[in-house]
C-alpha atoms as a PDB file:
ATOM      1  CA  UNK A   1       0.000   0.000   0.000  1.00  0.00           C
ATOM      2  CA  UNK A   2       1.509   3.298  -1.060  1.00  0.00           C
ATOM      3  CA  UNK A   3      -0.235   5.584   1.428  1.00  0.00           C
ATOM      4  CA  UNK A   4      -2.605   5.557   4.357  1.00  0.00           C
ATOM      5  CA  UNK A   5      -6.113   6.775   3.679  1.00  0.00           C
ATOM      6  CA  UNK A   6      -6.771   9.730   5.965  1.00  0.00           C
ATOM      7  CA  UNK A   7     -10.312   9.723   7.340  1.00  0.00           C
ATOM      8  CA  UNK A   8     -11.751  12.652   9.290  1.00  0.00           C
ATOM      9  CA  UNK A   9     -15.009  12.216  11.202  1.00  0.00           C
ATOM     10  CA  UNK A  10     -16.627  15.548  12.009  1.00  0.00           C
ATOM     11  CA  UNK A  11     -18.623  15.518  15.246  1.00  0.00           C
ATOM     12  CA  UNK A  12     -20.229  17.894  17.714  1.00  0.00           C
ATOM     13  CA  UNK A  13     -20.984  17.442  21.424  1.00  0.00           C
ATOM     14  CA  UNK A  14     -24.747  17.651  20.755  1.00  0.00           C
ATOM     15  CA  UNK A  15     -24.679  15.084  17.926  1.00  0.00           C
ATOM     16  CA  UNK A  16     -26.928  12.070  18.542  1.00  0.00           C
ATOM     17  CA  UNK A  17     -25.408   9.753  15.906  1.00  0.00           C
ATOM     18  CA  UNK A  18     -21.760  10.680  16.410  1.00  0.00           C
ATOM     19  CA  UNK A  19     -21.056   8.083  19.096  1.00  0.00           C
ATOM     20  CA  UNK A  20     -22.093   5.206  16.844  1.00  0.00           C
ATOM     21  CA  UNK A  21     -20.137   6.700  13.942  1.00  0.00           C
ATOM     22  CA  UNK A  22     -17.015   6.954  16.113  1.00  0.00           C
ATOM     23  CA  UNK A  23     -17.362   3.305  17.211  1.00  0.00           C
ATOM     24  CA  UNK A  24     -17.781   2.087  13.616  1.00  0.00           C
ATOM     25  CA  UNK A  25     -14.787   4.039  12.382  1.00  0.00           C
ATOM     26  CA  UNK A  26     -12.584   2.960  15.314  1.00  0.00           C
ATOM     27  CA  UNK A  27     -13.501  -0.673  14.564  1.00  0.00           C
ATOM     28  CA  UNK A  28     -12.608  -0.135  10.921  1.00  0.00           C
ATOM     29  CA  UNK A  29      -9.270   1.432  11.853  1.00  0.00           C
ATOM     30  CA  UNK A  30      -8.397  -1.683  13.886  1.00  0.00           C
ATOM     31  CA  UNK A  31      -9.342  -3.991  10.987  1.00  0.00           C
ATOM     32  CA  UNK A  32      -7.648  -2.097   8.149  1.00  0.00           C
ATOM     33  CA  UNK A  33      -3.888  -1.391   8.072  1.00  0.00           C
ATOM     34  CA  UNK A  34      -4.032   1.483   5.580  1.00  0.00           C
ATOM     35  CA  UNK A  35      -6.326   3.842   7.489  1.00  0.00           C
ATOM     36  CA  UNK A  36      -5.412   6.908   9.519  1.00  0.00           C
ATOM     37  CA  UNK A  37      -8.561   7.938  11.444  1.00  0.00           C
ATOM     38  CA  UNK A  38      -9.118  11.287  13.141  1.00  0.00           C
ATOM     39  CA  UNK A  39     -12.053  12.749  15.060  1.00  0.00           C
ATOM     40  CA  UNK A  40     -12.639  16.477  14.550  1.00  0.00           C
ATOM     41  CA  UNK A  41     -15.194  18.377  16.630  1.00  0.00           C
ATOM     42  CA  UNK A  42     -16.955  21.318  15.026  1.00  0.00           C
ATOM     43  CA  UNK A  43     -17.122  22.795  18.537  1.00  0.00           C
ATOM     44  CA  UNK A  44     -13.347  23.345  18.533  1.00  0.00           C
ATOM     45  CA  UNK A  45     -11.488  26.087  16.674  1.00  0.00           C
ATOM     46  CA  UNK A  46      -9.558  23.694  14.392  1.00  0.00           C
ATOM     47  CA  UNK A  47     -12.739  21.758  13.597  1.00  0.00           C
ATOM     48  CA  UNK A  48     -14.665  24.945  12.848  1.00  0.00           C
ATOM     49  CA  UNK A  49     -11.997  26.167  10.425  1.00  0.00           C
ATOM     50  CA  UNK A  50     -11.659  22.848   8.604  1.00  0.00           C
ATOM     51  CA  UNK A  51     -15.433  22.392   8.593  1.00  0.00           C
ATOM     52  CA  UNK A  52     -15.865  25.786   6.947  1.00  0.00           C
ATOM     53  CA  UNK A  53     -13.124  25.059   4.417  1.00  0.00           C
ATOM     54  CA  UNK A  54     -14.714  21.712   3.494  1.00  0.00           C
ATOM     55  CA  UNK A  55     -18.332  22.984   3.750  1.00  0.00           C
ATOM     56  CA  UNK A  56     -19.358  20.624   6.550  1.00  0.00           C
ATOM     57  CA  UNK A  57     -22.902  21.587   7.561  1.00  0.00           C
ATOM     58  CA  UNK A  58     -24.100  18.528   9.466  1.00  0.00           C
ATOM     59  CA  UNK A  59     -22.682  15.859  11.734  1.00  0.00           C
ATOM     60  CA  UNK A  60     -21.654  13.161  11.640  1.00  0.00           C
ATOM     61  CA  UNK A  61     -19.828  13.705   8.352  1.00  0.00           C
ATOM     62  CA  UNK A  62     -16.858  11.612   7.279  1.00  0.00           C
ATOM     63  CA  UNK A  63     -14.313  12.906   4.756  1.00  0.00           C
ATOM     64  CA  UNK A  64     -11.916  10.489   3.075  1.00  0.00           C
ATOM     65  CA  UNK A  65      -8.381  11.349   1.956  1.00  0.00           C
ATOM     66  CA  UNK A  66      -8.793  15.080   2.650  1.00  0.00           C
ATOM     67  CA  UNK A  67     -11.182  15.309  -0.312  1.00  0.00           C
ATOM     68  CA  UNK A  68     -14.584  16.741   0.646  1.00  0.00           C
ATOM     69  CA  UNK A  69     -16.030  15.162  -2.507  1.00  0.00           C
ATOM     70  CA  UNK A  70     -15.432  11.757  -0.864  1.00  0.00           C
ATOM     71  CA  UNK A  71     -17.777  12.092   2.081  1.00  0.00           C
ATOM     72  CA  UNK A  72     -20.471  10.259   3.963  1.00  0.00           C
ATOM     73  CA  UNK A  73     -23.098  12.241   5.819  1.00  0.00           C
ATOM     74  CA  UNK A  74     -24.885  10.514   8.693  1.00  0.00           C
ATOM     75  CA  UNK A  75     -24.065   7.241  10.420  1.00  0.00           C
ATOM     76  CA  UNK A  76     -21.940   5.332   7.901  1.00  0.00           C
ATOM     77  CA  UNK A  77     -23.092   2.008   6.484  1.00  0.00           C
ATOM     78  CA  UNK A  78     -20.263  -0.536   6.201  1.00  0.00           C
ATOM     79  CA  UNK A  79     -20.950  -1.104   2.489  1.00  0.00           C
ATOM     80  CA  UNK A  80     -20.756   2.634   1.765  1.00  0.00           C
ATOM     81  CA  UNK A  81     -17.440   2.914   3.608  1.00  0.00           C
ATOM     82  CA  UNK A  82     -16.019  -0.082   1.731  1.00  0.00           C
ATOM     83  CA  UNK A  83     -17.187   1.330  -1.602  1.00  0.00           C
ATOM     84  CA  UNK A  84     -15.298   4.586  -1.010  1.00  0.00           C
ATOM     85  CA  UNK A  85     -12.213   2.774   0.312  1.00  0.00           C
ATOM     86  CA  UNK A  86     -12.161   0.471  -2.739  1.00  0.00           C
ATOM     87  CA  UNK A  87     -12.281   3.494  -5.039  1.00  0.00           C
ATOM     88  CA  UNK A  88      -9.451   5.232  -3.160  1.00  0.00           C
ATOM     89  CA  UNK A  89      -7.261   2.115  -3.124  1.00  0.00           C
ATOM     90  CA  UNK A  90      -7.215   1.812  -6.935  1.00  0.00           C
END
């Protein structure tokens, strides 16, 4: 594998579905060797700035490989995650 796929999960303290999204992505990170997973809160200054730059308007939102075009909004389904990862691994 030439590079790790960077995955950013945008959350917020008031988000109802963020906990489940975090658990799913942490499980995935343990199963896959080529993933670098990061949690970014929109309540923090860094999260706010990156969220504005990438036009994140709802949480949970997951961005793959620092490309806001590769995103999942809402609690991620395993098949949707795998579809994006397969595309990025080609």
